[in-house]
Amino acid sequence: MSIRIGVVGAGGFGRALAIASARNGQDVVLWSRKERELPEPIRSSSDIASMQDRELIFVAVPARHAVPVAEQLGEVVDGRHMMVHISRGLIGGELQTLTKVIRDKTVCRRIGALAGPLVADALAEGRPSGAILGTGFPELTQMVREAIGGSGLRIYDTKDVVGVELASATVGFLTVILGYAQELGAEPGTLAVVATRGMVEMSRVGHTLGADEATFMGLAGLGDLIAAVAGDQRPELRLGRALARGNNLQTAIGEVGAYVEGFEVAKHLLEHARRNDLQTPISSTFVAVSEGRMTPDDAIQALMERRVGTE
């Protein structure tokens, strides 16, 4: 018996989730502000009420749209629904996660966050990959595995929902940095330092919000970052390379053709770190470069010249 799947958002990931679910024989409706041309048997809808009879709803919208979308969903869902978001974003200097937004704006409580080395193209095409679901509800994990999992997609789970969300957001902006550095010809050793120290830096931020630091070193964090550096051609990596070629931010975004949340995330993380008296040199440097207050060469030199401590 198929699962009634709803997908909210018609971007690359939303469409990929719909395609993967349909490939598994699920009954899929994709909602967006206007109806879209979609492959059979996926149905398109611009009416949020189309989510009312869905059992599992994937929310695939950027963090900046999460509040109004959750408010709309709050008008049609109830406690029977299960909901999973797939976003690399955070909201404000309080680092509000999308699971919190969904809890605040809807009566849904069986909520999760899907993250890890999962990119839209691979998901849509059924290429082998892996993901991690942060949730405290085993029945939600089982339903997600039935919806999109299979021999080509291994979905692990953890109860550390906040850790998954923060780690995923961290990977989002670190991947932009690494793409930038790669295009500038940075050595593998430099990339390794930025990747590992960046993840450690963010794990300390996560600790202030109750996240397990080990989550940042697992599939949601370092595992996802390894996949990015290995060349899975995700939008964040391509954006970093486009910026390194001298494009301004708007031109680079147009070249990539996808919305990237990394810049907003880095600013929110930096604001939170300052309020909590935390040292976050990598995110601080990234923000300085993105705002034109530091050149890329000066940024790399500044990071490599920092005092070396104990790992």
C-alpha atoms as a PDB file:
ATOM      1  CA  MET A   1       0.000   0.000   0.000  1.00  0.00           C
ATOM      2  CA  SER A   2       1.473   3.348  -1.028  1.00  0.00           C
ATOM      3  CA  ILE A   3       2.082   6.231   1.351  1.00  0.00           C
ATOM      4  CA  ARG A   4       0.368   9.547   0.672  1.00  0.00           C
ATOM      5  CA  ILE A   5       3.315  11.929   0.315  1.00  0.00           C
ATOM      6  CA  GLY A   6       3.174  15.715   0.218  1.00  0.00           C
ATOM      7  CA  VAL A   7       6.134  17.823  -0.886  1.00  0.00           C
ATOM      8  CA  VAL A   8       6.145  21.551  -0.113  1.00  0.00           C
ATOM      9  CA  GLY A   9       8.428  23.497  -2.437  1.00  0.00           C
ATOM     10  CA  ALA A  10       9.236  23.048  -6.115  1.00  0.00           C
ATOM     11  CA  GLY A  11      12.959  23.809  -6.064  1.00  0.00           C
ATOM     12  CA  GLY A  12      15.581  21.238  -6.993  1.00  0.00           C
ATOM     13  CA  PHE A  13      15.265  19.285  -3.755  1.00  0.00           C
ATOM     14  CA  GLY A  14      11.494  19.431  -3.651  1.00  0.00           C
ATOM     15  CA  ARG A  15      11.241  17.980  -7.133  1.00  0.00           C
ATOM     16  CA  ALA A  16      13.876  15.351  -6.318  1.00  0.00           C
ATOM     17  CA  LEU A  17      11.963  14.232  -3.223  1.00  0.00           C
ATOM     18  CA  ALA A  18       8.777  13.972  -5.276  1.00  0.00           C
ATOM     19  CA  ILE A  19      10.506  11.968  -8.022  1.00  0.00           C
ATOM     20  CA  ALA A  20      12.183   9.613  -5.531  1.00  0.00           C
ATOM     21  CA  SER A  21       8.898   9.026  -3.698  1.00  0.00           C
ATOM     22  CA  ALA A  22       7.027   8.336  -6.948  1.00  0.00           C
ATOM     23  CA  ARG A  23       9.766   5.929  -8.033  1.00  0.00           C
ATOM     24  CA  ASN A  24       9.090   3.991  -4.814  1.00  0.00           C
ATOM     25  CA  GLY A  25       5.420   3.719  -5.752  1.00  0.00           C
ATOM     26  CA  GLN A  26       4.126   6.437  -3.438  1.00  0.00           C
ATOM     27  CA  ASP A  27       1.130   8.706  -4.091  1.00  0.00           C
ATOM     28  CA  VAL A  28       2.758  12.138  -4.440  1.00  0.00           C
ATOM     29  CA  VAL A  29       1.408  15.696  -4.495  1.00  0.00           C
ATOM     30  CA  LEU A  30       3.839  18.608  -4.819  1.00  0.00           C
ATOM     31  CA  TRP A  31       2.657  22.012  -3.594  1.00  0.00           C
ATOM     32  CA  SER A  32       4.097  25.339  -4.734  1.00  0.00           C
ATOM     33  CA  ARG A  33       2.743  28.845  -5.185  1.00  0.00           C
ATOM     34  CA  LYS A  34       1.929  28.053  -8.791  1.00  0.00           C
ATOM     35  CA  GLU A  35       1.294  24.720 -10.451  1.00  0.00           C
ATOM     36  CA  ARG A  36       4.247  23.098 -12.225  1.00  0.00           C
ATOM     37  CA  GLU A  37       4.872  20.689 -15.052  1.00  0.00           C
ATOM     38  CA  LEU A  38       5.850  17.455 -13.316  1.00  0.00           C
ATOM     39  CA  PRO A  39       6.566  13.926 -14.524  1.00  0.00           C
ATOM     40  CA  GLU A  40       3.765  11.397 -14.138  1.00  0.00           C
ATOM     41  CA  PRO A  41       2.380  10.271 -11.743  1.00  0.00           C
ATOM     42  CA  ILE A  42       3.308  13.262  -9.527  1.00  0.00           C
ATOM     43  CA  ARG A  43       0.484  15.754  -9.160  1.00  0.00           C
ATOM     44  CA  SER A  44       1.053  19.504  -8.873  1.00  0.00           C
ATOM     45  CA  SER A  45      -1.056  21.806  -6.694  1.00  0.00           C
ATOM     46  CA  SER A  46      -1.087  25.477  -5.729  1.00  0.00           C
ATOM     47  CA  ASP A  47      -3.679  24.885  -2.981  1.00  0.00           C
ATOM     48  CA  ILE A  48      -2.182  24.272   0.460  1.00  0.00           C
ATOM     49  CA  ALA A  49      -5.308  22.264   1.343  1.00  0.00           C
ATOM     50  CA  SER A  50      -3.908  19.536  -0.940  1.00  0.00           C
ATOM     51  CA  MET A  51      -1.583  18.653   1.960  1.00  0.00           C
ATOM     52  CA  GLN A  52      -4.487  17.872   4.280  1.00  0.00           C
ATOM     53  CA  ASP A  53      -4.870  14.209   3.290  1.00  0.00           C
ATOM     54  CA  ARG A  54      -1.125  13.521   3.096  1.00  0.00           C
ATOM     55  CA  GLU A  55       0.479  11.222   5.678  1.00  0.00           C
ATOM     56  CA  LEU A  56       4.094  12.397   5.349  1.00  0.00           C
ATOM     57  CA  ILE A  57       4.990  15.936   4.281  1.00  0.00           C
ATOM     58  CA  PHE A  58       8.481  16.937   3.130  1.00  0.00           C
ATOM     59  CA  VAL A  59       9.146  20.656   3.567  1.00  0.00           C
ATOM     60  CA  ALA A  60      11.738  21.766   1.017  1.00  0.00           C
ATOM     61  CA  VAL A  61      11.835  25.562   1.249  1.00  0.00           C
ATOM     62  CA  PRO A  62      14.638  27.955   2.266  1.00  0.00           C
ATOM     63  CA  ALA A  63      14.690  29.063   5.911  1.00  0.00           C
ATOM     64  CA  ARG A  64      13.676  32.606   4.971  1.00  0.00           C
ATOM     65  CA  HIS A  65      10.332  31.242   3.707  1.00  0.00           C
ATOM     66  CA  ALA A  66       9.843  28.728   6.519  1.00  0.00           C
ATOM     67  CA  VAL A  67       7.670  30.831   8.834  1.00  0.00           C
ATOM     68  CA  PRO A  68       4.952  31.831   6.317  1.00  0.00           C
ATOM     69  CA  VAL A  69       4.923  28.332   4.802  1.00  0.00           C
ATOM     70  CA  ALA A  70       4.606  26.729   8.248  1.00  0.00           C
ATOM     71  CA  GLU A  71       1.772  29.125   9.068  1.00  0.00           C
ATOM     72  CA  GLN A  72      -0.058  28.016   5.919  1.00  0.00           C
ATOM     73  CA  LEU A  73       0.503  24.367   6.772  1.00  0.00           C
ATOM     74  CA  GLY A  74      -0.741  25.039  10.288  1.00  0.00           C
ATOM     75  CA  GLU A  75      -4.169  25.768   8.827  1.00  0.00           C
ATOM     76  CA  VAL A  76      -4.558  22.321   7.237  1.00  0.00           C
ATOM     77  CA  VAL A  77      -2.494  19.759   9.190  1.00  0.00           C
ATOM     78  CA  ASP A  78      -3.176  18.052  12.501  1.00  0.00           C
ATOM     79  CA  GLY A  79      -1.509  15.653  14.915  1.00  0.00           C
ATOM     80  CA  ARG A  80      -1.802  12.729  12.500  1.00  0.00           C
ATOM     81  CA  HIS A  81       0.642  14.238  10.042  1.00  0.00           C
ATOM     82  CA  MET A  82       4.360  13.558  10.042  1.00  0.00           C
ATOM     83  CA  MET A  83       6.665  16.253   8.712  1.00  0.00           C
ATOM     84  CA  VAL A  84      10.325  16.339   7.619  1.00  0.00           C
ATOM     85  CA  HIS A  85      12.255  19.372   6.444  1.00  0.00           C
ATOM     86  CA  ILE A  86      15.347  19.405   4.291  1.00  0.00           C
ATOM     87  CA  SER A  87      17.019  22.794   4.664  1.00  0.00           C
ATOM     88  CA  ARG A  88      20.519  24.037   5.390  1.00  0.00           C
ATOM     89  CA  GLY A  89      19.182  27.242   6.901  1.00  0.00           C
ATOM     90  CA  LEU A  90      18.735  28.766  10.336  1.00  0.00           C
ATOM     91  CA  ILE A  91      16.681  31.777  11.383  1.00  0.00           C
ATOM     92  CA  GLY A  92      18.160  34.741  13.262  1.00  0.00           C
ATOM     93  CA  GLY A  93      20.964  35.074  15.760  1.00  0.00           C
ATOM     94  CA  GLU A  94      19.087  32.728  18.098  1.00  0.00           C
ATOM     95  CA  LEU A  95      19.759  30.032  15.465  1.00  0.00           C
ATOM     96  CA  GLN A  96      16.113  29.026  15.334  1.00  0.00           C
ATOM     97  CA  THR A  97      15.812  25.691  13.557  1.00  0.00           C
ATOM     98  CA  LEU A  98      13.086  24.710  11.124  1.00  0.00           C
ATOM     99  CA  THR A  99      11.826  21.932  13.392  1.00  0.00           C
ATOM    100  CA  LYS A 100      11.176  24.606  16.023  1.00  0.00           C
ATOM    101  CA  VAL A 101       9.344  26.733  13.457  1.00  0.00           C
ATOM    102  CA  ILE A 102       7.150  23.778  12.493  1.00  0.00           C
ATOM    103  CA  ARG A 103       6.401  23.010  16.154  1.00  0.00           C
ATOM    104  CA  ASP A 104       5.544  26.645  16.851  1.00  0.00           C
ATOM    105  CA  LYS A 105       3.333  27.164  13.804  1.00  0.00           C
ATOM    106  CA  THR A 106       1.569  23.784  13.526  1.00  0.00           C
ATOM    107  CA  VAL A 107       0.193  21.135  15.861  1.00  0.00           C
ATOM    108  CA  CYS A 108       2.499  18.521  14.294  1.00  0.00           C
ATOM    109  CA  ARG A 109       4.861  16.917  16.768  1.00  0.00           C
ATOM    110  CA  ARG A 110       6.259  13.990  14.800  1.00  0.00           C
ATOM    111  CA  ILE A 111       8.880  16.091  13.034  1.00  0.00           C
ATOM    112  CA  GLY A 112      12.349  15.428  11.647  1.00  0.00           C
ATOM    113  CA  ALA A 113      15.269  16.939   9.738  1.00  0.00           C
ATOM    114  CA  LEU A 114      16.811  15.126   6.767  1.00  0.00           C
ATOM    115  CA  ALA A 115      20.484  15.864   6.074  1.00  0.00           C
ATOM    116  CA  GLY A 116      23.795  14.318   5.075  1.00  0.00           C
ATOM    117  CA  PRO A 117      25.544  13.695   1.728  1.00  0.00           C
ATOM    118  CA  LEU A 118      22.321  13.773  -0.244  1.00  0.00           C
ATOM    119  CA  VAL A 119      22.140  16.036  -3.299  1.00  0.00           C
ATOM    120  CA  ALA A 120      19.108  16.690  -5.472  1.00  0.00           C
ATOM    121  CA  ASP A 121      20.456  15.255  -8.726  1.00  0.00           C
ATOM    122  CA  ALA A 122      21.557  11.985  -7.129  1.00  0.00           C
ATOM    123  CA  LEU A 123      18.241  11.629  -5.324  1.00  0.00           C
ATOM    124  CA  ALA A 124      16.198  12.287  -8.460  1.00  0.00           C
ATOM    125  CA  GLU A 125      18.282   9.906 -10.578  1.00  0.00           C
ATOM    126  CA  GLY A 126      18.420   7.159  -7.959  1.00  0.00           C
ATOM    127  CA  ARG A 127      22.221   7.132  -7.711  1.00  0.00           C
ATOM    128  CA  PRO A 128      23.666   5.481  -4.561  1.00  0.00           C
ATOM    129  CA  SER A 129      23.812   7.843  -1.615  1.00  0.00           C
ATOM    130  CA  GLY A 130      23.144   8.170   2.100  1.00  0.00           C
ATOM    131  CA  ALA A 131      21.333  10.478   4.483  1.00  0.00           C
ATOM    132  CA  ILE A 132      20.605  10.927   8.158  1.00  0.00           C
ATOM    133  CA  LEU A 133      17.269  11.734   9.730  1.00  0.00           C
ATOM    134  CA  GLY A 134      17.193  13.601  13.005  1.00  0.00           C
ATOM    135  CA  THR A 135      14.004  12.681  14.878  1.00  0.00           C
ATOM    136  CA  GLY A 136      12.793  11.260  18.142  1.00  0.00           C
ATOM    137  CA  PHE A 137      10.053   9.234  16.462  1.00  0.00           C
ATOM    138  CA  PRO A 138      10.932   5.746  15.142  1.00  0.00           C
ATOM    139  CA  GLU A 139       7.697   5.585  13.128  1.00  0.00           C
ATOM    140  CA  LEU A 140       8.767   8.690  11.229  1.00  0.00           C
ATOM    141  CA  THR A 141      12.128   7.129  10.424  1.00  0.00           C
ATOM    142  CA  GLN A 142      10.392   4.027   9.108  1.00  0.00           C
ATOM    143  CA  MET A 143       8.017   6.048   6.957  1.00  0.00           C
ATOM    144  CA  VAL A 144      10.820   8.132   5.434  1.00  0.00           C
ATOM    145  CA  ARG A 145      12.746   4.957   4.609  1.00  0.00           C
ATOM    146  CA  GLU A 146       9.683   3.531   2.905  1.00  0.00           C
ATOM    147  CA  ALA A 147       9.008   6.798   1.103  1.00  0.00           C
ATOM    148  CA  ILE A 148      12.398   7.474  -0.477  1.00  0.00           C
ATOM    149  CA  GLY A 149      14.842   4.842   0.801  1.00  0.00           C
ATOM    150  CA  GLY A 150      15.927   1.596  -0.752  1.00  0.00           C
ATOM    151  CA  SER A 151      19.030  -0.219  -1.942  1.00  0.00           C
ATOM    152  CA  GLY A 152      20.354   3.003  -3.473  1.00  0.00           C
ATOM    153  CA  LEU A 153      19.673   5.285  -0.511  1.00  0.00           C
ATOM    154  CA  ARG A 154      20.650   4.330   3.036  1.00  0.00           C
ATOM    155  CA  ILE A 155      18.897   6.473   5.651  1.00  0.00           C
ATOM    156  CA  TYR A 156      20.380   6.441   9.139  1.00  0.00           C
ATOM    157  CA  ASP A 157      18.749   8.094  12.142  1.00  0.00           C
ATOM    158  CA  THR A 158      19.641   9.935  15.333  1.00  0.00           C
ATOM    159  CA  LYS A 159      17.699  11.564  18.156  1.00  0.00           C
ATOM    160  CA  ASP A 160      20.005  14.604  18.036  1.00  0.00           C
ATOM    161  CA  VAL A 161      17.695  16.714  15.875  1.00  0.00           C
ATOM    162  CA  VAL A 162      19.306  20.050  16.746  1.00  0.00           C
ATOM    163  CA  GLY A 163      22.761  18.631  16.027  1.00  0.00           C
ATOM    164  CA  VAL A 164      21.647  17.435  12.593  1.00  0.00           C
ATOM    165  CA  GLU A 165      20.161  20.833  11.727  1.00  0.00           C
ATOM    166  CA  LEU A 166      23.169  22.824  12.921  1.00  0.00           C
ATOM    167  CA  ALA A 167      25.681  20.466  11.308  1.00  0.00           C
ATOM    168  CA  SER A 168      23.827  20.610   7.987  1.00  0.00           C
ATOM    169  CA  ALA A 169      23.718  24.406   8.099  1.00  0.00           C
ATOM    170  CA  THR A 170      27.438  24.485   8.891  1.00  0.00           C
ATOM    171  CA  VAL A 171      28.244  22.273   5.910  1.00  0.00           C
ATOM    172  CA  GLY A 172      26.273  24.683   3.748  1.00  0.00           C
ATOM    173  CA  PHE A 173      28.564  27.636   4.321  1.00  0.00           C
ATOM    174  CA  LEU A 174      31.800  25.654   4.722  1.00  0.00           C
ATOM    175  CA  THR A 175      31.211  24.162   1.282  1.00  0.00           C
ATOM    176  CA  VAL A 176      31.081  27.650  -0.226  1.00  0.00           C
ATOM    177  CA  ILE A 177      34.421  28.414   1.461  1.00  0.00           C
ATOM    178  CA  LEU A 178      35.987  25.190   0.210  1.00  0.00           C
ATOM    179  CA  GLY A 179      34.736  25.747  -3.336  1.00  0.00           C
ATOM    180  CA  TYR A 180      36.248  29.216  -3.202  1.00  0.00           C
ATOM    181  CA  ALA A 181      39.560  27.879  -1.914  1.00  0.00           C
ATOM    182  CA  GLN A 182      39.662  25.095  -4.511  1.00  0.00           C
ATOM    183  CA  GLU A 183      39.192  27.570  -7.337  1.00  0.00           C
ATOM    184  CA  LEU A 184      42.043  29.685  -5.944  1.00  0.00           C
ATOM    185  CA  GLY A 185      44.290  26.621  -6.011  1.00  0.00           C
ATOM    186  CA  ALA A 186      44.457  25.908  -2.279  1.00  0.00           C
ATOM    187  CA  GLU A 187      46.470  22.830  -1.355  1.00  0.00           C
ATOM    188  CA  PRO A 188      44.684  19.726   0.008  1.00  0.00           C
ATOM    189  CA  GLY A 189      46.245  20.368   3.414  1.00  0.00           C
ATOM    190  CA  THR A 190      44.695  23.842   3.536  1.00  0.00           C
ATOM    191  CA  LEU A 191      41.298  22.435   2.595  1.00  0.00           C
ATOM    192  CA  ALA A 192      41.616  19.802   5.323  1.00  0.00           C
ATOM    193  CA  VAL A 193      42.424  22.417   7.955  1.00  0.00           C
ATOM    194  CA  VAL A 194      39.473  24.622   6.964  1.00  0.00           C
ATOM    195  CA  ALA A 195      37.065  21.659   6.818  1.00  0.00           C
ATOM    196  CA  THR A 196      37.985  20.006  10.110  1.00  0.00           C
ATOM    197  CA  ARG A 197      38.549  23.173  12.152  1.00  0.00           C
ATOM    198  CA  GLY A 198      35.372  24.699  10.755  1.00  0.00           C
ATOM    199  CA  MET A 199      33.373  21.691  11.903  1.00  0.00           C
ATOM    200  CA  VAL A 200      34.998  21.726  15.349  1.00  0.00           C
ATOM    201  CA  GLU A 201      34.274  25.455  15.600  1.00  0.00           C
ATOM    202  CA  MET A 202      30.611  24.902  14.847  1.00  0.00           C
ATOM    203  CA  SER A 203      30.333  21.915  17.186  1.00  0.00           C
ATOM    204  CA  ARG A 204      31.184  24.303  20.031  1.00  0.00           C
ATOM    205  CA  VAL A 205      28.373  26.581  18.908  1.00  0.00           C
ATOM    206  CA  GLY A 206      26.074  23.569  18.782  1.00  0.00           C
ATOM    207  CA  HIS A 207      27.010  22.619  22.331  1.00  0.00           C
ATOM    208  CA  THR A 208      25.493  25.899  23.578  1.00  0.00           C
ATOM    209  CA  LEU A 209      22.157  24.781  22.091  1.00  0.00           C
ATOM    210  CA  GLY A 210      22.214  21.248  23.450  1.00  0.00           C
ATOM    211  CA  ALA A 211      23.561  19.499  20.357  1.00  0.00           C
ATOM    212  CA  ASP A 212      25.853  16.491  20.657  1.00  0.00           C
ATOM    213  CA  GLU A 213      29.298  17.493  19.401  1.00  0.00           C
ATOM    214  CA  ALA A 214      29.754  13.998  17.935  1.00  0.00           C
ATOM    215  CA  THR A 215      26.940  14.679  15.445  1.00  0.00           C
ATOM    216  CA  PHE A 216      29.142  17.250  13.706  1.00  0.00           C
ATOM    217  CA  MET A 217      31.725  14.552  13.025  1.00  0.00           C
ATOM    218  CA  GLY A 218      29.178  12.109  11.617  1.00  0.00           C
ATOM    219  CA  LEU A 219      27.095  11.844   8.466  1.00  0.00           C
ATOM    220  CA  ALA A 220      25.270  15.150   9.021  1.00  0.00           C
ATOM    221  CA  GLY A 221      28.504  17.096   9.341  1.00  0.00           C
ATOM    222  CA  LEU A 222      31.951  15.891   8.324  1.00  0.00           C
ATOM    223  CA  GLY A 223      30.554  13.039   6.216  1.00  0.00           C
ATOM    224  CA  ASP A 224      28.480  15.507   4.219  1.00  0.00           C
ATOM    225  CA  LEU A 225      31.464  17.828   3.849  1.00  0.00           C
ATOM    226  CA  ILE A 226      33.658  15.000   2.521  1.00  0.00           C
ATOM    227  CA  ALA A 227      31.068  14.325  -0.173  1.00  0.00           C
ATOM    228  CA  ALA A 228      31.078  17.996  -1.152  1.00  0.00           C
ATOM    229  CA  VAL A 229      34.866  18.232  -1.393  1.00  0.00           C
ATOM    230  CA  ALA A 230      34.975  14.960  -3.328  1.00  0.00           C
ATOM    231  CA  GLY A 231      33.060  16.758  -6.054  1.00  0.00           C
ATOM    232  CA  ASP A 232      29.336  16.031  -5.899  1.00  0.00           C
ATOM    233  CA  GLN A 233      28.780  19.393  -7.625  1.00  0.00           C
ATOM    234  CA  ARG A 234      26.275  20.739  -5.120  1.00  0.00           C
ATOM    235  CA  PRO A 235      25.223  24.392  -5.572  1.00  0.00           C
ATOM    236  CA  GLU A 236      27.296  25.643  -2.615  1.00  0.00           C
ATOM    237  CA  LEU A 237      30.503  24.286  -4.131  1.00  0.00           C
ATOM    238  CA  ARG A 238      29.731  25.819  -7.519  1.00  0.00           C
ATOM    239  CA  LEU A 239      28.857  29.139  -5.883  1.00  0.00           C
ATOM    240  CA  GLY A 240      32.207  29.296  -4.098  1.00  0.00           C
ATOM    241  CA  ARG A 241      34.032  28.624  -7.347  1.00  0.00           C
ATOM    242  CA  ALA A 242      31.999  31.236  -9.208  1.00  0.00           C
ATOM    243  CA  LEU A 243      32.824  33.857  -6.572  1.00  0.00           C
ATOM    244  CA  ALA A 244      36.513  32.981  -6.740  1.00  0.00           C
ATOM    245  CA  ARG A 245      36.444  33.672 -10.484  1.00  0.00           C
ATOM    246  CA  GLY A 246      35.624  37.293  -9.679  1.00  0.00           C
ATOM    247  CA  ASN A 247      31.842  37.266 -10.020  1.00  0.00           C
ATOM    248  CA  ASN A 248      29.825  39.380  -7.615  1.00  0.00           C
ATOM    249  CA  LEU A 249      27.328  37.542  -5.419  1.00  0.00           C
ATOM    250  CA  GLN A 250      24.257  38.131  -7.596  1.00  0.00           C
ATOM    251  CA  THR A 251      26.048  37.078 -10.784  1.00  0.00           C
ATOM    252  CA  ALA A 252      27.437  33.987  -9.074  1.00  0.00           C
ATOM    253  CA  ILE A 253      24.010  32.998  -7.777  1.00  0.00           C
ATOM    254  CA  GLY A 254      22.598  33.409 -11.285  1.00  0.00           C
ATOM    255  CA  GLU A 255      25.363  31.203 -12.663  1.00  0.00           C
ATOM    256  CA  VAL A 256      24.650  28.485 -10.097  1.00  0.00           C
ATOM    257  CA  GLY A 257      20.895  28.648 -10.633  1.00  0.00           C
ATOM    258  CA  ALA A 258      19.973  27.711  -7.057  1.00  0.00           C
ATOM    259  CA  TYR A 259      19.390  29.513  -3.791  1.00  0.00           C
ATOM    260  CA  VAL A 260      22.238  29.024  -1.296  1.00  0.00           C
ATOM    261  CA  GLU A 261      21.664  29.750   2.402  1.00  0.00           C
ATOM    262  CA  GLY A 262      25.316  29.746   3.478  1.00  0.00           C
ATOM    263  CA  PHE A 263      25.793  33.512   3.724  1.00  0.00           C
ATOM    264  CA  GLU A 264      22.785  34.023   5.968  1.00  0.00           C
ATOM    265  CA  VAL A 265      23.764  31.034   8.108  1.00  0.00           C
ATOM    266  CA  ALA A 266      27.317  32.334   8.631  1.00  0.00           C
ATOM    267  CA  LYS A 267      26.003  35.723   9.780  1.00  0.00           C
ATOM    268  CA  HIS A 268      23.536  34.113  12.187  1.00  0.00           C
ATOM    269  CA  LEU A 269      26.235  31.825  13.602  1.00  0.00           C
ATOM    270  CA  LEU A 270      28.598  34.748  14.074  1.00  0.00           C
ATOM    271  CA  GLU A 271      25.920  36.774  15.877  1.00  0.00           C
ATOM    272  CA  HIS A 272      25.192  33.855  18.195  1.00  0.00           C
ATOM    273  CA  ALA A 273      28.901  33.239  18.854  1.00  0.00           C
ATOM    274  CA  ARG A 274      29.513  36.860  19.810  1.00  0.00           C
ATOM    275  CA  ARG A 275      26.623  36.831  22.263  1.00  0.00           C
ATOM    276  CA  ASN A 276      28.014  33.680  23.857  1.00  0.00           C
ATOM    277  CA  ASP A 277      31.674  34.798  23.830  1.00  0.00           C
ATOM    278  CA  LEU A 278      32.764  32.024  21.461  1.00  0.00           C
ATOM    279  CA  GLN A 279      35.717  32.195  19.075  1.00  0.00           C
ATOM    280  CA  THR A 280      34.588  31.432  15.513  1.00  0.00           C
ATOM    281  CA  PRO A 281      37.474  32.527  13.265  1.00  0.00           C
ATOM    282  CA  ILE A 282      36.364  30.632  10.146  1.00  0.00           C
ATOM    283  CA  SER A 283      32.794  31.919  10.087  1.00  0.00           C
ATOM    284  CA  SER A 284      34.041  35.406  11.062  1.00  0.00           C
ATOM    285  CA  THR A 285      36.503  35.398   8.180  1.00  0.00           C
ATOM    286  CA  PHE A 286      33.879  34.093   5.757  1.00  0.00           C
ATOM    287  CA  VAL A 287      31.501  36.916   6.671  1.00  0.00           C
ATOM    288  CA  ALA A 288      34.303  39.477   6.322  1.00  0.00           C
ATOM    289  CA  VAL A 289      35.142  38.225   2.821  1.00  0.00           C
ATOM    290  CA  SER A 290      31.492  38.067   1.731  1.00  0.00           C
ATOM    291  CA  GLU A 291      31.006  41.670   2.862  1.00  0.00           C
ATOM    292  CA  GLY A 292      34.147  42.864   1.075  1.00  0.00           C
ATOM    293  CA  ARG A 293      36.057  43.718   4.268  1.00  0.00           C
ATOM    294  CA  MET A 294      38.836  41.204   3.547  1.00  0.00           C
ATOM    295  CA  THR A 295      40.384  39.775   0.402  1.00  0.00           C
ATOM    296  CA  PRO A 296      40.384  35.996  -0.134  1.00  0.00           C
ATOM    297  CA  ASP A 297      44.193  35.819  -0.022  1.00  0.00           C
ATOM    298  CA  ASP A 298      44.286  37.779   3.241  1.00  0.00           C
ATOM    299  CA  ALA A 299      41.566  35.540   4.669  1.00  0.00           C
ATOM    300  CA  ILE A 300      43.449  32.302   3.983  1.00  0.00           C
ATOM    301  CA  GLN A 301      46.672  33.785   5.330  1.00  0.00           C
ATOM    302  CA  ALA A 302      44.931  35.044   8.474  1.00  0.00           C
ATOM    303  CA  LEU A 303      43.428  31.631   9.179  1.00  0.00           C
ATOM    304  CA  MET A 304      46.705  29.779   8.604  1.00  0.00           C
ATOM    305  CA  GLU A 305      48.618  32.208  10.829  1.00  0.00           C
ATOM    306  CA  ARG A 306      46.350  31.823  13.851  1.00  0.00           C
ATOM    307  CA  ARG A 307      47.915  30.450  17.009  1.00  0.00           C
ATOM    308  CA  VAL A 308      47.986  26.662  16.956  1.00  0.00           C
ATOM    309  CA  GLY A 309      46.326  24.945  19.906  1.00  0.00           C
ATOM    310  CA  THR A 310      45.445  21.433  21.055  1.00  0.00           C
ATOM    311  CA  GLU A 311      42.905  19.570  18.946  1.00  0.00           C
END
